[in-house]
Amino acid sequence: MGPMSRPQAGGEEATAVHRRLAVIHERARDAFANNVATLEGAVGALAHGTLPEDQRREAEHAAHRLAGSAGTFGFPDATVLARELEESFATDPNPAAARVLAVRVAALRRSLLDASAADTRLQTKPRTTIVAVHVDPQVESTIRDAAHARGIEVTDDPLDAGADAAIVDLERRDAASIVRGYADRVPRVPVVALGDASSLSDRLLATDAGASVVVPREQTGMALIDAAESLAERRRRDKFRVLAVDDDEAILVAVSELLAGDGYEVSTLGDARGFWDALEQTRPDLVVLDLDMPHVNGAELCRVVRTDPRWSGLPVLFLTAHTDTSAVEDVFAAGADDYLAKPFGRAELRARIRNRLERVRPDGGGVRAPAQPGPAAPAAPLARPPRHRPLQARQRRARPQRRRPCAPATRASSHR
């Protein structure tokens, strides 16, 4: 059974981040190489006139994994090649097709693994703190100067989804709605409210709207940036837990990296047979499941979750390379909240997860599992989105899997 990777505590320093990214990219490269090698072995066997059924299935599934993960890492051409190979190995290919398949696999190797392709991979860089500022222009100028000196980015767009903290002057007519907008996000964005330190009304306004702290309007720009940065750092430590389950190591790497630095703590699992133990250990706020996996598929895992009173309200997001009507019906019949087609991008993944958490817990707090993971005393089920189908519908038999079971995966990490 594949190991489960846990979130790493740790440093925000640039050198540590770069080391981590190097390891992550190497792990994704290894996953690509293993899948390509599987395809090369199958083509070689086919060229010699004998392709055993288990090897054909393994090749089909290797191509399926690459079709789902290559595009996420910035290899659209490889996605096309992988899908063509998946279709070829879905039936019993004729030995006469070996030459054509060999050309496609060679092109796939060049696209994913040649040194010249390295720069086209998933691009990630150390996270810069972003502070949203809604204050008088003169005050904003001093804040921007202080932020520049600290290497902090400043935005005045209240819709900026990347803001780590906000500074809002309570004298603004729309101050309450701006503060509330940040406080209602998932994860919650902390707000430094500028007001009259001696005014009870200012403090009541800030508290009611959801501000994190009220500071005197006369504070220097550097002091305000200090306060915002401190709250942003605290927010990074207070994360939502996400458990991702997929037999493709590259997809697990992508999910971990795409959610990094935005209030999520990601644990990943490569072998679905360890799901229940991982669920009890990590007690996630949301689960991301692959549909096609060996041993136990994602639809089966989702039905198991929905029939347990402690976890029945846990948001479940599916990742799948299948977008046909039958596959989509299957994931929703199993009790899914949403699905995302592979390949996917950073903004899309974050938006789907954020929307699920907001819908389940409007106050932005996320779903919480029982305090003690073991057997729980009878308790009311967690709140569930109203659109879940009745249990009988969810227990409808899943679509028979044409594809062979997936390989075990690893448990990785990010942030909550």
Protein backbone atom coordinates (compact mmCIF):
# COMPACT_ATOMS: atom_id res chain seq x y z
CA MET A 1 0.00 0.00 0.00
CA GLY A 2 1.45 3.33 -0.97
CA PRO A 3 2.59 5.68 1.76
CA MET A 4 0.54 8.69 2.68
CA SER A 5 2.47 11.93 2.50
CA ARG A 6 1.89 14.43 5.27
CA PRO A 7 2.04 18.21 5.26
CA GLN A 8 5.47 19.58 6.00
CA ALA A 9 5.96 22.14 8.64
CA GLY A 10 8.15 24.70 7.59
CA GLY A 11 9.87 27.60 6.39
CA GLU A 12 8.80 30.26 4.06
CA GLU A 13 12.36 31.19 3.18
CA ALA A 14 13.16 31.31 -0.52
CA THR A 15 15.90 28.68 -0.37
CA ALA A 16 13.59 26.19 1.33
CA VAL A 17 10.87 26.91 -1.22
CA HIS A 18 13.26 26.39 -4.13
CA ARG A 19 14.50 23.11 -2.68
CA ARG A 20 10.93 21.92 -2.26
CA LEU A 21 9.98 22.90 -5.81
CA ALA A 22 13.01 21.06 -7.19
CA VAL A 23 11.92 17.90 -5.39
CA ILE A 24 8.31 18.29 -6.54
CA HIS A 25 9.32 18.74 -10.17
CA GLU A 26 11.63 15.76 -9.99
CA ARG A 27 8.83 13.64 -8.54
CA ALA A 28 6.53 14.64 -11.40
CA ARG A 29 9.29 13.86 -13.89
CA ASP A 30 9.76 10.41 -12.36
CA ALA A 31 6.03 9.71 -12.69
CA PHE A 32 6.11 10.77 -16.35
CA ALA A 33 9.18 8.61 -17.00
CA ASN A 34 7.60 5.53 -15.40
CA ASN A 35 4.47 5.86 -17.51
CA VAL A 36 6.44 6.41 -20.71
CA ALA A 37 8.59 3.36 -19.91
CA THR A 38 5.41 1.29 -19.49
CA LEU A 39 4.24 2.39 -22.94
CA GLU A 40 7.64 1.64 -24.48
CA GLY A 41 7.60 -1.85 -22.99
CA ALA A 42 4.13 -2.53 -24.40
CA VAL A 43 5.10 -1.30 -27.86
CA GLY A 44 8.20 -3.49 -27.77
CA ALA A 45 6.12 -6.54 -26.85
CA LEU A 46 3.62 -5.74 -29.58
CA ALA A 47 6.41 -5.44 -32.16
CA HIS A 48 7.46 -9.00 -31.27
CA GLY A 49 3.92 -10.18 -31.87
CA THR A 50 2.83 -10.86 -28.28
CA LEU A 51 1.18 -8.31 -26.01
CA PRO A 52 -0.25 -9.98 -22.88
CA GLU A 53 -3.61 -8.67 -21.71
CA ASP A 54 -2.27 -7.41 -18.38
CA GLN A 55 0.51 -5.49 -20.16
CA ARG A 56 -2.01 -4.03 -22.62
CA ARG A 57 -4.17 -2.83 -19.73
CA GLU A 58 -1.18 -1.37 -17.93
CA ALA A 59 -0.18 0.53 -21.10
CA GLU A 60 -3.73 1.81 -21.54
CA HIS A 61 -3.77 3.04 -17.99
CA ALA A 62 -0.31 4.63 -18.24
CA ALA A 63 -1.52 6.58 -21.27
CA HIS A 64 -4.67 7.55 -19.35
CA ARG A 65 -2.61 8.92 -16.46
CA LEU A 66 -0.43 10.95 -18.79
CA ALA A 67 -3.47 12.30 -20.63
CA GLY A 68 -4.75 13.60 -17.31
CA SER A 69 -1.54 15.01 -15.84
CA ALA A 70 0.61 16.24 -18.73
CA GLY A 71 -1.65 19.18 -19.57
CA THR A 72 -1.76 20.27 -15.94
CA PHE A 73 2.03 20.57 -16.02
CA GLY A 74 2.01 22.58 -19.25
CA PHE A 75 2.39 19.87 -21.90
CA PRO A 76 -0.70 20.14 -24.16
CA ASP A 77 0.99 18.27 -27.04
CA ALA A 78 1.78 15.38 -24.73
CA THR A 79 -1.87 15.27 -23.65
CA VAL A 80 -2.96 14.78 -27.27
CA LEU A 81 -0.37 12.05 -27.86
CA ALA A 82 -1.31 10.28 -24.62
CA ARG A 83 -5.00 10.27 -25.53
CA GLU A 84 -4.23 8.78 -28.93
CA LEU A 85 -2.15 6.06 -27.28
CA GLU A 86 -4.88 5.40 -24.72
CA GLU A 87 -7.38 4.85 -27.53
CA SER A 88 -4.94 2.56 -29.35
CA PHE A 89 -4.35 0.37 -26.28
CA ALA A 90 -8.04 0.36 -25.29
CA THR A 91 -8.53 -2.47 -27.79
CA ASP A 92 -6.14 -5.26 -28.70
CA PRO A 93 -3.79 -3.45 -31.12
CA ASN A 94 -2.47 -5.25 -34.17
CA PRO A 95 1.31 -5.90 -34.30
CA ALA A 96 1.30 -4.00 -37.59
CA ALA A 97 0.49 -0.84 -35.59
CA ALA A 98 3.65 -1.15 -33.47
CA ARG A 99 5.70 1.16 -35.70
CA VAL A 100 3.14 3.98 -35.53
CA LEU A 101 2.74 3.55 -31.77
CA ALA A 102 6.52 3.60 -31.32
CA VAL A 103 6.70 6.97 -33.13
CA ARG A 104 4.01 8.39 -30.86
CA VAL A 105 5.68 7.12 -27.70
CA ALA A 106 9.03 8.55 -28.82
CA ALA A 107 7.34 11.92 -29.41
CA LEU A 108 5.75 11.67 -25.98
CA ARG A 109 9.15 11.05 -24.38
CA ARG A 110 10.66 14.04 -26.17
CA SER A 111 7.78 16.28 -25.13
CA LEU A 112 7.81 15.32 -21.45
CA LEU A 113 11.37 14.34 -20.62
CA ASP A 114 13.87 16.03 -22.93
CA ALA A 115 15.99 18.71 -21.27
CA SER A 116 14.67 21.24 -23.77
CA ALA A 117 11.16 20.70 -22.40
CA ALA A 118 12.09 21.44 -18.79
CA ASP A 119 11.09 25.10 -18.93
CA THR A 120 7.56 24.28 -20.13
CA ARG A 121 6.66 22.48 -16.93
CA LEU A 122 4.35 23.70 -14.25
CA GLN A 123 5.75 27.08 -13.30
CA THR A 124 5.81 27.92 -9.63
CA LYS A 125 7.64 30.57 -7.69
CA PRO A 126 7.91 31.60 -4.08
CA ARG A 127 4.68 33.14 -2.87
CA THR A 128 4.71 36.91 -2.44
CA THR A 129 2.51 38.37 0.30
CA ILE A 130 -0.27 40.49 -1.21
CA VAL A 131 -1.96 43.20 0.86
CA ALA A 132 -5.17 44.84 -0.35
CA VAL A 133 -5.42 48.51 0.61
CA HIS A 134 -8.61 50.58 0.83
CA VAL A 135 -7.59 53.86 2.45
CA ASP A 136 -7.11 57.57 1.79
CA PRO A 137 -4.66 58.12 -1.15
CA GLN A 138 -2.12 59.85 1.09
CA VAL A 139 -2.10 56.97 3.56
CA GLU A 140 -2.00 54.50 0.70
CA SER A 141 1.17 56.13 -0.59
CA THR A 142 3.01 55.57 2.71
CA ILE A 143 1.74 51.97 2.83
CA ARG A 144 2.94 51.29 -0.71
CA ASP A 145 6.39 52.69 0.10
CA ALA A 146 6.66 50.47 3.17
CA ALA A 147 5.38 47.44 1.26
CA HIS A 148 7.90 48.00 -1.52
CA ALA A 149 10.72 48.09 1.02
CA ARG A 150 9.52 44.70 2.36
CA GLY A 151 8.97 43.08 -1.01
CA ILE A 152 5.21 42.96 -0.43
CA GLU A 153 2.75 43.46 -3.25
CA VAL A 154 -0.13 45.93 -2.85
CA THR A 155 -3.48 45.90 -4.63
CA ASP A 156 -6.53 48.12 -4.37
CA ASP A 157 -8.84 45.63 -6.08
CA PRO A 158 -11.38 44.23 -3.56
CA LEU A 159 -11.96 41.30 -5.92
CA ASP A 160 -8.30 40.25 -5.96
CA ALA A 161 -8.50 36.56 -4.98
CA GLY A 162 -4.81 36.47 -4.07
CA ALA A 163 -4.94 38.93 -1.17
CA ASP A 164 -3.38 37.58 2.04
CA ALA A 165 -4.53 40.49 4.21
CA ALA A 166 -6.31 43.82 3.82
CA ILE A 167 -6.10 47.31 5.30
CA VAL A 168 -9.42 49.19 5.34
CA ASP A 169 -10.14 52.71 6.61
CA LEU A 170 -13.40 52.74 8.56
CA GLU A 171 -14.11 56.29 7.36
CA ARG A 172 -15.00 54.90 3.95
CA ARG A 173 -18.74 54.70 3.33
CA ASP A 174 -18.38 51.16 2.04
CA ALA A 175 -15.94 50.10 4.79
CA ALA A 176 -18.31 47.59 6.39
CA SER A 177 -19.12 45.84 3.10
CA ILE A 178 -15.44 45.70 2.10
CA VAL A 179 -14.40 44.22 5.46
CA ARG A 180 -17.28 41.75 5.32
CA GLY A 181 -16.28 40.70 1.81
CA TYR A 182 -12.81 39.72 3.01
CA ALA A 183 -14.07 38.10 6.21
CA ASP A 184 -16.52 35.92 4.27
CA ARG A 185 -13.90 34.45 1.95
CA VAL A 186 -12.64 30.90 2.19
CA PRO A 187 -10.00 30.93 3.53
CA ARG A 188 -10.87 34.08 5.49
CA VAL A 189 -8.76 37.16 4.66
CA PRO A 190 -7.72 39.04 7.84
CA VAL A 191 -8.42 42.78 7.90
CA VAL A 192 -6.56 45.62 9.64
CA ALA A 193 -9.20 48.31 10.26
CA LEU A 194 -8.04 51.92 10.57
CA GLY A 195 -10.16 53.87 13.02
CA ASP A 196 -10.31 56.14 16.02
CA ALA A 197 -8.73 54.22 18.89
CA SER A 198 -10.97 55.99 21.39
CA SER A 199 -14.19 55.44 19.43
CA LEU A 200 -16.44 52.61 20.58
CA SER A 201 -18.56 52.98 17.44
CA ASP A 202 -15.52 52.34 15.22
CA ARG A 203 -14.66 49.24 17.20
CA LEU A 204 -18.24 47.97 17.05
CA LEU A 205 -18.39 48.59 13.30
CA ALA A 206 -15.11 46.72 12.76
CA THR A 207 -16.09 43.82 15.00
CA ASP A 208 -19.52 43.44 13.42
CA ALA A 209 -18.06 43.41 9.91
CA GLY A 210 -15.40 40.84 10.82
CA ALA A 211 -12.17 42.86 11.05
CA SER A 212 -9.27 41.13 12.78
CA VAL A 213 -7.79 44.18 14.50
CA VAL A 214 -8.45 47.91 14.87
CA VAL A 215 -5.44 50.25 14.86
CA PRO A 216 -5.17 54.04 15.08
CA ARG A 217 -5.39 55.83 11.78
CA GLU A 218 -2.20 57.74 12.63
CA GLN A 219 0.02 54.64 12.45
CA THR A 220 2.96 54.79 10.06
CA GLY A 221 2.88 52.91 6.78
CA MET A 222 5.53 50.50 8.08
CA ALA A 223 3.52 49.77 11.23
CA LEU A 224 0.43 49.04 9.14
CA ILE A 225 2.37 46.72 6.85
CA ASP A 226 3.80 44.99 9.94
CA ALA A 227 0.28 44.40 11.25
CA ALA A 228 -0.99 43.11 7.90
CA GLU A 229 2.00 40.86 7.38
CA SER A 230 1.63 39.40 10.87
CA LEU A 231 -2.02 38.55 10.19
CA ALA A 232 -1.14 37.09 6.79
CA GLU A 233 1.46 34.83 8.39
CA ARG A 234 -1.05 33.68 11.00
CA ARG A 235 -3.52 32.95 8.19
CA ARG A 236 -0.95 30.81 6.41
CA ARG A 237 -0.54 28.73 9.57
CA ASP A 238 -4.32 28.31 10.00
CA LYS A 239 -5.18 26.15 7.02
CA PHE A 240 -7.98 24.09 5.54
CA ARG A 241 -7.15 20.41 5.24
CA VAL A 242 -7.51 18.72 1.85
CA LEU A 243 -7.00 14.99 1.20
CA ALA A 244 -6.23 14.15 -2.44
CA VAL A 245 -6.46 10.54 -3.64
CA ASP A 246 -5.12 9.55 -7.05
CA ASP A 247 -2.98 6.72 -8.37
CA ASP A 248 -1.05 9.18 -10.55
CA GLU A 249 1.87 10.69 -8.64
CA ALA A 250 2.07 13.59 -11.09
CA ILE A 251 -1.52 14.63 -10.35
CA LEU A 252 -0.87 14.46 -6.60
CA VAL A 253 2.20 16.65 -7.07
CA ALA A 254 0.15 19.10 -9.14
CA VAL A 255 -2.68 19.35 -6.60
CA SER A 256 -0.20 19.92 -3.76
CA GLU A 257 1.69 22.59 -5.65
CA LEU A 258 -1.32 24.38 -7.12
CA LEU A 259 -2.86 24.78 -3.66
CA ALA A 260 0.41 25.71 -1.96
CA GLY A 261 0.58 29.03 -0.14
CA ASP A 262 -3.13 29.78 -0.19
CA GLY A 263 -4.42 28.54 3.14
CA TYR A 264 -4.57 24.83 2.32
CA GLU A 265 -2.79 21.90 3.90
CA VAL A 266 -2.79 19.05 1.39
CA SER A 267 -2.21 15.39 2.18
CA THR A 268 -2.04 12.97 -0.73
CA LEU A 269 -2.67 9.25 -1.00
CA GLY A 270 -1.65 7.07 -3.93
CA ASP A 271 -3.32 3.80 -2.97
CA ALA A 272 -7.07 4.01 -2.47
CA ARG A 273 -7.00 0.98 -0.16
CA GLY A 274 -5.55 3.22 2.55
CA PHE A 275 -8.33 5.79 2.20
CA TRP A 276 -10.23 5.18 5.42
CA ASP A 277 -7.09 5.28 7.56
CA ALA A 278 -6.00 8.47 5.79
CA LEU A 279 -9.45 10.00 6.33
CA GLU A 280 -9.35 9.31 10.05
CA GLN A 281 -5.76 10.52 10.41
CA THR A 282 -6.04 13.76 8.45
CA ARG A 283 -9.72 14.62 9.17
CA PRO A 284 -9.94 16.79 6.05
CA ASP A 285 -12.29 19.65 5.26
CA LEU A 286 -12.56 18.43 1.66
CA VAL A 287 -11.59 15.33 -0.34
CA VAL A 288 -10.34 15.28 -3.93
CA LEU A 289 -10.85 11.89 -5.63
CA ASP A 290 -9.75 10.44 -8.94
CA LEU A 291 -12.49 8.46 -10.66
CA ASP A 292 -10.41 5.66 -12.21
CA MET A 293 -8.20 3.94 -9.64
CA PRO A 294 -7.17 0.34 -9.09
CA HIS A 295 -8.53 -1.78 -6.25
CA VAL A 296 -11.15 0.81 -5.24
CA ASN A 297 -12.43 3.49 -7.61
CA GLY A 298 -13.38 7.02 -6.65
CA ALA A 299 -17.13 6.47 -6.94
CA GLU A 300 -16.93 3.60 -4.47
CA LEU A 301 -14.94 5.73 -2.01
CA CYS A 302 -17.49 8.53 -2.30
CA ARG A 303 -20.38 6.18 -1.53
CA VAL A 304 -18.53 4.91 1.53
CA VAL A 305 -18.10 8.49 2.74
CA ARG A 306 -21.77 9.33 2.18
CA THR A 307 -22.99 6.34 4.22
CA ASP A 308 -20.98 7.25 7.33
CA PRO A 309 -22.85 9.71 9.61
CA ARG A 310 -19.62 11.37 10.70
CA TRP A 311 -18.43 12.12 7.17
CA SER A 312 -21.64 12.29 5.14
CA GLY A 313 -21.39 16.07 4.73
CA LEU A 314 -17.72 16.11 3.68
CA PRO A 315 -17.32 17.98 0.36
CA VAL A 316 -16.03 15.68 -2.41
CA LEU A 317 -14.48 16.98 -5.63
CA PHE A 318 -13.72 14.51 -8.42
CA LEU A 319 -10.84 14.81 -10.86
CA THR A 320 -11.36 12.81 -14.04
CA ALA A 321 -10.16 12.63 -17.61
CA HIS A 322 -13.63 11.34 -18.54
CA THR A 323 -16.12 14.07 -19.39
CA ASP A 324 -18.74 11.93 -21.12
CA THR A 325 -22.31 12.06 -19.79
CA SER A 326 -22.11 8.58 -18.29
CA ALA A 327 -19.00 9.38 -16.22
CA VAL A 328 -20.45 12.67 -14.98
CA GLU A 329 -23.71 10.95 -14.00
CA ASP A 330 -21.74 8.29 -12.12
CA VAL A 331 -19.80 10.74 -9.96
CA PHE A 332 -22.92 12.68 -9.00
CA ALA A 333 -24.88 9.47 -8.38
CA ALA A 334 -22.09 8.46 -5.98
CA GLY A 335 -22.63 11.70 -4.02
CA ALA A 336 -20.03 14.04 -5.53
CA ASP A 337 -20.33 17.78 -4.94
CA ASP A 338 -18.45 18.75 -8.09
CA TYR A 339 -16.01 17.45 -10.67
CA LEU A 340 -13.08 18.93 -12.56
CA ALA A 341 -11.82 17.62 -15.89
CA LYS A 342 -8.16 16.79 -16.34
CA PRO A 343 -6.02 18.61 -17.25
CA PHE A 344 -6.87 21.50 -14.96
CA GLY A 345 -5.28 24.78 -13.95
CA ARG A 346 -4.47 26.55 -10.68
CA ALA A 347 -7.30 29.10 -10.77
CA GLU A 348 -9.88 26.48 -11.70
CA LEU A 349 -8.84 24.05 -8.95
CA ARG A 350 -8.75 26.74 -6.26
CA ALA A 351 -12.09 28.20 -7.32
CA ARG A 352 -13.85 24.81 -7.22
CA ILE A 353 -12.45 24.00 -3.78
CA ARG A 354 -13.18 27.46 -2.38
CA ASN A 355 -16.76 27.33 -3.69
CA ARG A 356 -17.36 23.93 -2.09
CA LEU A 357 -16.08 25.09 1.28
CA GLU A 358 -18.13 28.28 1.14
CA ARG A 359 -21.29 26.34 0.30
CA VAL A 360 -20.89 23.87 3.13
CA ARG A 361 -19.88 26.44 5.73
CA PRO A 362 -20.97 29.97 4.74
CA ASP A 363 -19.07 31.54 7.63
CA GLY A 364 -15.82 30.44 6.02
CA GLY A 365 -14.85 28.00 8.71
CA GLY A 366 -14.89 24.84 6.65
CA VAL A 367 -16.10 21.42 7.69
CA ARG A 368 -14.65 19.80 10.76
CA ALA A 369 -14.53 16.13 11.56
CA PRO A 370 -15.21 14.78 15.04
CA ALA A 371 -12.69 15.75 17.68
CA GLN A 372 -11.70 12.11 18.11
CA PRO A 373 -11.17 10.12 14.94
CA GLY A 374 -12.11 6.71 16.40
CA PRO A 375 -15.62 5.29 16.63
CA ALA A 376 -17.96 8.15 17.30
CA ALA A 377 -21.03 8.26 19.44
CA PRO A 378 -24.24 8.74 17.46
CA ALA A 379 -24.30 12.31 16.30
CA ALA A 380 -26.23 14.41 13.87
CA PRO A 381 -24.71 14.16 10.38
CA LEU A 382 -22.65 17.09 9.22
CA ALA A 383 -24.50 19.64 7.12
CA ARG A 384 -24.75 18.58 3.52
CA PRO A 385 -25.36 20.57 0.37
CA PRO A 386 -29.08 20.26 -0.40
CA ARG A 387 -28.50 19.01 -3.88
CA HIS A 388 -27.13 15.60 -2.81
CA ARG A 389 -29.30 12.81 -4.13
CA PRO A 390 -31.05 10.39 -1.76
CA LEU A 391 -28.98 7.50 -0.49
CA GLN A 392 -30.78 5.02 -2.73
CA ALA A 393 -29.79 7.04 -5.79
CA ARG A 394 -26.23 7.40 -4.59
CA GLN A 395 -25.94 3.65 -4.13
CA ARG A 396 -26.68 3.10 -7.77
CA ARG A 397 -24.09 0.79 -9.14
CA ALA A 398 -21.08 2.61 -10.58
CA ARG A 399 -20.32 2.38 -14.27
CA PRO A 400 -18.33 -0.81 -14.92
CA GLN A 401 -14.69 0.06 -15.22
CA ARG A 402 -13.26 -0.64 -18.61
CA ARG A 403 -9.84 0.41 -17.44
CA ARG A 404 -7.52 -1.58 -15.26
CA PRO A 405 -7.12 -0.51 -11.64
CA CYS A 406 -4.76 2.29 -10.89
CA ALA A 407 -1.39 2.05 -9.21
CA PRO A 408 -0.82 3.03 -5.59
CA ALA A 409 -0.08 6.64 -4.88
CA THR A 410 1.66 8.64 -2.24
CA ARG A 411 0.47 10.91 0.42
CA ALA A 412 1.86 14.40 -0.12
CA SER A 413 1.25 17.81 1.28
CA SER A 414 0.58 21.52 0.99
CA HIS A 415 -1.63 23.83 3.05
CA ARG A 416 -5.13 23.98 4.25
